[in-house]
């Protein structure tokens, strides 16, 4: 994703912050990477040095960037809420996360097929190649990072700001979901082909892109989850019958209120 001159009709600092944030949330500047230097940003954005400095400091204050004297400025998080979301959903059912990913990414892929730009396709091609290379080397963590970056770029290509920001907020939760799909080392049966998704977006085919995005989220765990549905319903019915019995006996149990030790 290329940076371009910023229009001066709006607040310059606000526009620059938005431009830099987009580079972060889209994955163009991955977590841990060093962003372009101040002179490079001045040249690319066409604004004054003080404006760039103000924007970088604002994003550092919000926890997205880390300014290291003598080293540069590095991406610390994909959004202000990324750390909060990671803590909030640390114990979430992996299948719940997978279902959420499927919903978000299928919608994003359909939008991307309609709205992707040449820059989007160029970035997707690069990230897809990096993903395939990481797989070929057998480097598990590098592959998970490359896979996550590819999926972020698909969402960014939707050009839906809220969807992109929400996906960025869930960045670490989603990465852990991706990581959980693989064992300690990569195995051939864990590989999921993504070329169909990329080509559907390139061809401008929303229906196929959405279907391919859903397919890439699929996992053996979904079958087990579906099979457990009737058991959960039976359990719920039994609980309901038990509750009715308690009401009839005048000993109904009240709702479980959170204590200071309960998670919020």
Protein backbone atom coordinates (compact mmCIF):
# COMPACT_ATOMS: atom_id res chain seq x y z
CA UNK A 1 0.00 0.00 0.00
CA UNK A 2 1.60 3.24 -1.17
CA UNK A 3 1.60 6.51 0.72
CA UNK A 4 0.55 9.62 -1.19
CA UNK A 5 0.35 13.36 -0.68
CA UNK A 6 -2.18 14.45 1.93
CA UNK A 7 -4.97 16.85 0.93
CA UNK A 8 -4.86 20.11 2.89
CA UNK A 9 -8.63 20.70 3.12
CA UNK A 10 -8.80 18.99 6.52
CA UNK A 11 -6.63 19.08 9.63
CA UNK A 12 -3.22 18.00 8.42
CA UNK A 13 -2.21 16.28 11.63
CA UNK A 14 -5.50 14.35 11.71
CA UNK A 15 -5.12 13.26 8.11
CA UNK A 16 -1.52 12.17 8.65
CA UNK A 17 -2.54 10.19 11.75
CA UNK A 18 -5.25 8.49 9.67
CA UNK A 19 -2.76 7.68 6.89
CA UNK A 20 -0.22 6.20 9.29
CA UNK A 21 -2.89 4.28 11.19
CA UNK A 22 -4.08 2.75 7.91
CA UNK A 23 -0.57 1.47 7.21
CA UNK A 24 -0.61 -0.23 10.62
CA UNK A 25 -4.13 -1.67 10.64
CA UNK A 26 -3.83 -2.99 7.09
CA UNK A 27 -0.64 -4.86 7.93
CA UNK A 28 1.46 -2.83 5.51
CA UNK A 29 3.59 -2.05 8.56
CA UNK A 30 3.49 -5.28 10.61
CA UNK A 31 3.83 -5.38 14.38
CA UNK A 32 7.53 -5.30 15.24
CA UNK A 33 8.59 -3.59 12.01
CA UNK A 34 10.31 -0.22 11.82
CA UNK A 35 8.32 2.46 10.02
CA UNK A 36 9.90 4.85 7.47
CA UNK A 37 12.09 7.57 8.90
CA UNK A 38 10.77 11.06 9.54
CA UNK A 39 12.38 12.54 6.38
CA UNK A 40 10.93 9.68 4.31
CA UNK A 41 7.44 10.30 5.71
CA UNK A 42 7.77 14.04 5.05
CA UNK A 43 8.67 13.33 1.43
CA UNK A 44 5.92 10.75 0.88
CA UNK A 45 3.13 12.65 2.57
CA UNK A 46 4.12 16.12 1.36
CA UNK A 47 3.72 17.76 4.76
CA UNK A 48 5.99 19.57 7.20
CA UNK A 49 8.32 17.72 9.54
CA UNK A 50 6.45 19.02 12.61
CA UNK A 51 3.18 17.59 11.30
CA UNK A 52 4.72 14.15 10.86
CA UNK A 53 6.36 14.35 14.27
CA UNK A 54 3.04 15.29 15.89
CA UNK A 55 1.25 12.37 14.21
CA UNK A 56 3.91 9.86 15.21
CA UNK A 57 3.87 11.06 18.81
CA UNK A 58 0.06 10.81 18.91
CA UNK A 59 0.16 7.19 17.71
CA UNK A 60 2.94 6.42 20.19
CA UNK A 61 0.84 7.92 22.99
CA UNK A 62 -2.06 5.66 21.92
CA UNK A 63 0.17 2.59 22.09
CA UNK A 64 0.48 1.83 18.37
CA UNK A 65 4.07 3.01 17.92
CA UNK A 66 7.22 2.78 20.01
CA UNK A 67 9.75 5.57 19.51
CA UNK A 68 13.25 4.29 20.28
CA UNK A 69 15.91 6.96 20.44
CA UNK A 70 18.79 6.19 18.11
CA UNK A 71 17.01 3.19 16.57
CA UNK A 72 13.80 4.42 14.97
CA UNK A 73 10.06 4.05 15.45
CA UNK A 74 8.49 0.58 15.56
CA UNK A 75 4.96 -0.76 15.32
CA UNK A 76 3.86 -1.91 18.76
CA UNK A 77 0.21 -2.92 18.17
CA UNK A 78 -2.36 -2.97 15.37
CA UNK A 79 -4.77 -0.77 17.30
CA UNK A 80 -5.41 0.83 20.67
CA UNK A 81 -7.77 -2.01 21.56
CA UNK A 82 -5.63 -4.94 20.40
CA UNK A 83 -4.15 -5.63 23.84
CA UNK A 84 -7.53 -5.23 25.55
CA UNK A 85 -9.21 -7.61 23.10
CA UNK A 86 -6.43 -10.16 23.51
CA UNK A 87 -6.90 -10.20 27.28
CA UNK A 88 -10.69 -10.19 27.06
CA UNK A 89 -10.83 -13.22 24.73
CA UNK A 90 -7.76 -15.11 25.92
CA UNK A 91 -9.94 -17.98 27.17
CA UNK A 92 -12.48 -17.90 24.33
CA UNK A 93 -13.49 -21.16 22.66
CA UNK A 94 -11.21 -21.51 19.59
CA UNK A 95 -14.21 -22.53 17.48
CA UNK A 96 -16.01 -19.32 18.48
CA UNK A 97 -13.00 -17.35 17.24
CA UNK A 98 -12.89 -19.42 14.06
CA UNK A 99 -16.57 -18.76 13.38
CA UNK A 100 -16.06 -15.04 13.91
CA UNK A 101 -13.10 -15.08 11.54
CA UNK A 102 -15.20 -16.87 8.95
CA UNK A 103 -17.95 -14.26 9.19
CA UNK A 104 -15.61 -11.26 8.99
CA UNK A 105 -13.29 -12.63 6.34
CA UNK A 106 -16.04 -13.93 4.04
CA UNK A 107 -17.69 -10.51 4.05
CA UNK A 108 -14.36 -8.73 3.59
CA UNK A 109 -13.36 -10.98 0.68
CA UNK A 110 -16.61 -10.23 -1.13
CA UNK A 111 -16.10 -6.50 -0.68
CA UNK A 112 -12.45 -6.82 -1.73
CA UNK A 113 -13.44 -8.50 -4.99
CA UNK A 114 -15.60 -5.47 -5.81
CA UNK A 115 -13.32 -2.71 -4.53
CA UNK A 116 -9.69 -3.86 -4.71
CA UNK A 117 -7.21 -1.54 -6.36
CA UNK A 118 -4.05 -2.35 -8.28
CA UNK A 119 -2.07 -1.49 -5.14
CA UNK A 120 -4.18 -3.96 -3.15
CA UNK A 121 -3.52 -6.73 -5.67
CA UNK A 122 0.19 -5.94 -5.69
CA UNK A 123 0.33 -6.23 -1.91
CA UNK A 124 -1.71 -9.43 -1.89
CA UNK A 125 0.61 -10.97 -4.48
CA UNK A 126 3.66 -10.11 -2.35
CA UNK A 127 2.11 -11.45 0.85
CA UNK A 128 0.89 -14.61 -0.85
CA UNK A 129 4.41 -15.26 -2.14
CA UNK A 130 5.83 -14.67 1.35
CA UNK A 131 3.25 -17.06 2.80
CA UNK A 132 4.19 -19.80 0.31
CA UNK A 133 7.90 -19.26 0.92
CA UNK A 134 7.46 -19.49 4.68
CA UNK A 135 5.58 -22.77 4.26
CA UNK A 136 8.30 -24.19 2.02
CA UNK A 137 10.94 -23.46 4.66
CA UNK A 138 8.94 -25.20 7.39
CA UNK A 139 9.30 -22.16 9.67
CA UNK A 140 6.09 -22.42 11.70
CA UNK A 141 6.05 -19.00 13.37
CA UNK A 142 7.11 -17.24 10.18
CA UNK A 143 4.32 -18.99 8.30
CA UNK A 144 1.71 -18.00 10.91
CA UNK A 145 2.88 -14.38 10.68
CA UNK A 146 2.78 -14.46 6.87
CA UNK A 147 -0.65 -16.10 6.85
CA UNK A 148 -2.03 -13.52 9.29
CA UNK A 149 -0.56 -10.69 7.18
CA UNK A 150 -2.23 -12.07 4.04
CA UNK A 151 -5.63 -12.25 5.75
CA UNK A 152 -5.23 -8.69 7.10
CA UNK A 153 -4.49 -7.48 3.58
CA UNK A 154 -7.63 -9.16 2.25
CA UNK A 155 -9.69 -7.34 4.89
CA UNK A 156 -7.92 -4.05 4.13
CA UNK A 157 -8.74 -4.50 0.43
CA UNK A 158 -12.43 -4.37 1.38
CA UNK A 159 -11.96 -0.61 1.89
CA UNK A 160 -14.48 -0.79 4.74
CA UNK A 161 -12.88 1.29 7.48
CA UNK A 162 -14.90 -0.13 10.35
CA UNK A 163 -14.37 -3.73 9.26
CA UNK A 164 -10.64 -3.14 8.87
CA UNK A 165 -10.38 -1.46 12.29
CA UNK A 166 -12.39 -4.23 13.99
CA UNK A 167 -10.20 -6.90 12.42
CA UNK A 168 -7.13 -4.99 13.59
CA UNK A 169 -8.56 -4.79 17.11
CA UNK A 170 -8.85 -8.59 17.06
CA UNK A 171 -5.39 -8.98 15.52
CA UNK A 172 -3.69 -10.96 18.29
CA UNK A 173 -6.82 -13.02 18.99
CA UNK A 174 -6.97 -13.98 15.31
CA UNK A 175 -3.24 -14.70 15.13
CA UNK A 176 -3.55 -17.06 18.09
CA UNK A 177 -6.46 -18.73 16.30
CA UNK A 178 -4.30 -19.21 13.23
CA UNK A 179 -1.41 -20.47 15.35
CA UNK A 180 -3.67 -22.96 17.13
CA UNK A 181 -4.47 -24.63 13.82
CA UNK A 182 -0.90 -25.92 13.56
CA UNK A 183 1.09 -28.33 15.65
CA UNK A 184 4.59 -27.74 17.00
CA UNK A 185 5.87 -28.15 13.44
CA UNK A 186 4.15 -27.73 10.08
CA UNK A 187 2.50 -30.81 8.62
CA UNK A 188 1.31 -31.26 5.00
CA UNK A 189 -2.24 -32.06 6.10
CA UNK A 190 -2.45 -28.64 7.81
CA UNK A 191 -1.81 -26.69 4.62
CA UNK A 192 -4.73 -24.64 3.28
CA UNK A 193 -4.48 -23.36 -0.29
CA UNK A 194 -5.23 -19.63 -0.65
CA UNK A 195 -4.63 -19.14 -4.39
CA UNK A 196 -8.35 -19.53 -5.14
CA UNK A 197 -9.16 -16.66 -2.78
CA UNK A 198 -6.52 -14.42 -4.32
CA UNK A 199 -7.62 -15.17 -7.88
CA UNK A 200 -11.30 -14.61 -7.09
CA UNK A 201 -10.44 -11.17 -5.70
CA UNK A 202 -8.31 -10.48 -8.77
CA UNK A 203 -11.15 -11.54 -11.07
CA UNK A 204 -13.68 -9.36 -9.26
CA UNK A 205 -15.86 -12.34 -8.31
CA UNK A 206 -17.46 -11.56 -4.90
CA UNK A 207 -19.40 -14.83 -4.51
CA UNK A 208 -16.37 -17.03 -5.18
CA UNK A 209 -14.12 -14.81 -3.05
CA UNK A 210 -16.49 -15.13 -0.09
CA UNK A 211 -16.79 -18.89 -0.56
CA UNK A 212 -13.01 -19.27 -0.79
CA UNK A 213 -12.53 -17.17 2.34
CA UNK A 214 -14.97 -19.40 4.21
CA UNK A 215 -13.19 -22.50 2.95
CA UNK A 216 -9.82 -21.30 4.22
CA UNK A 217 -11.28 -21.01 7.73
CA UNK A 218 -12.63 -24.58 7.75
CA UNK A 219 -11.24 -27.08 10.25
CA UNK A 220 -11.95 -30.60 11.51
CA UNK A 221 -13.11 -29.02 14.76
CA UNK A 222 -16.22 -27.69 13.05
CA UNK A 223 -17.60 -31.20 12.59
CA UNK A 224 -17.13 -32.00 16.25
CA UNK A 225 -18.77 -28.71 17.19
CA UNK A 226 -21.76 -29.46 14.96
CA UNK A 227 -22.08 -32.95 16.44
CA UNK A 228 -22.07 -31.53 19.95
CA UNK A 229 -25.06 -29.31 19.13
CA UNK A 230 -27.74 -31.91 19.91
CA UNK A 231 -25.95 -32.80 23.14
CA UNK A 232 -25.93 -29.14 24.19
CA UNK A 233 -29.63 -28.85 23.34
CA UNK A 234 -30.44 -31.98 25.35
CA UNK A 235 -28.44 -30.61 28.24
CA UNK A 236 -30.30 -27.33 27.98
CA UNK A 237 -33.65 -29.12 27.99
CA UNK A 238 -32.66 -31.10 31.08
CA UNK A 239 -31.56 -27.91 32.78
CA UNK A 240 -34.86 -26.26 31.89
CA UNK A 241 -36.81 -29.21 33.32
CA UNK A 242 -34.73 -29.07 36.48
CA UNK A 243 -35.41 -25.34 36.76
CA UNK A 244 -39.15 -25.91 36.40
CA UNK A 245 -38.99 -28.46 39.19
CA UNK A 246 -37.23 -25.99 41.46
CA UNK A 247 -39.81 -23.31 40.71
CA UNK A 248 -42.61 -25.73 41.57
CA UNK A 249 -40.95 -26.49 44.89
CA UNK A 250 -40.41 -22.80 45.63
CA UNK A 251 -36.62 -23.17 45.70
CA UNK A 252 -35.61 -21.40 42.54
CA UNK A 253 -31.96 -20.52 42.16
CA UNK A 254 -31.08 -16.91 41.49
CA UNK A 255 -28.68 -15.69 38.78
CA UNK A 256 -24.98 -16.09 39.38
CA UNK A 257 -23.57 -12.65 40.06
CA UNK A 258 -19.91 -11.89 39.41
CA UNK A 259 -17.76 -11.48 42.48
CA UNK A 260 -14.52 -9.55 42.74
CA UNK A 261 -12.70 -12.71 41.69
CA UNK A 262 -14.93 -13.38 38.66
CA UNK A 263 -13.78 -12.18 35.22
CA UNK A 264 -15.64 -9.11 34.04
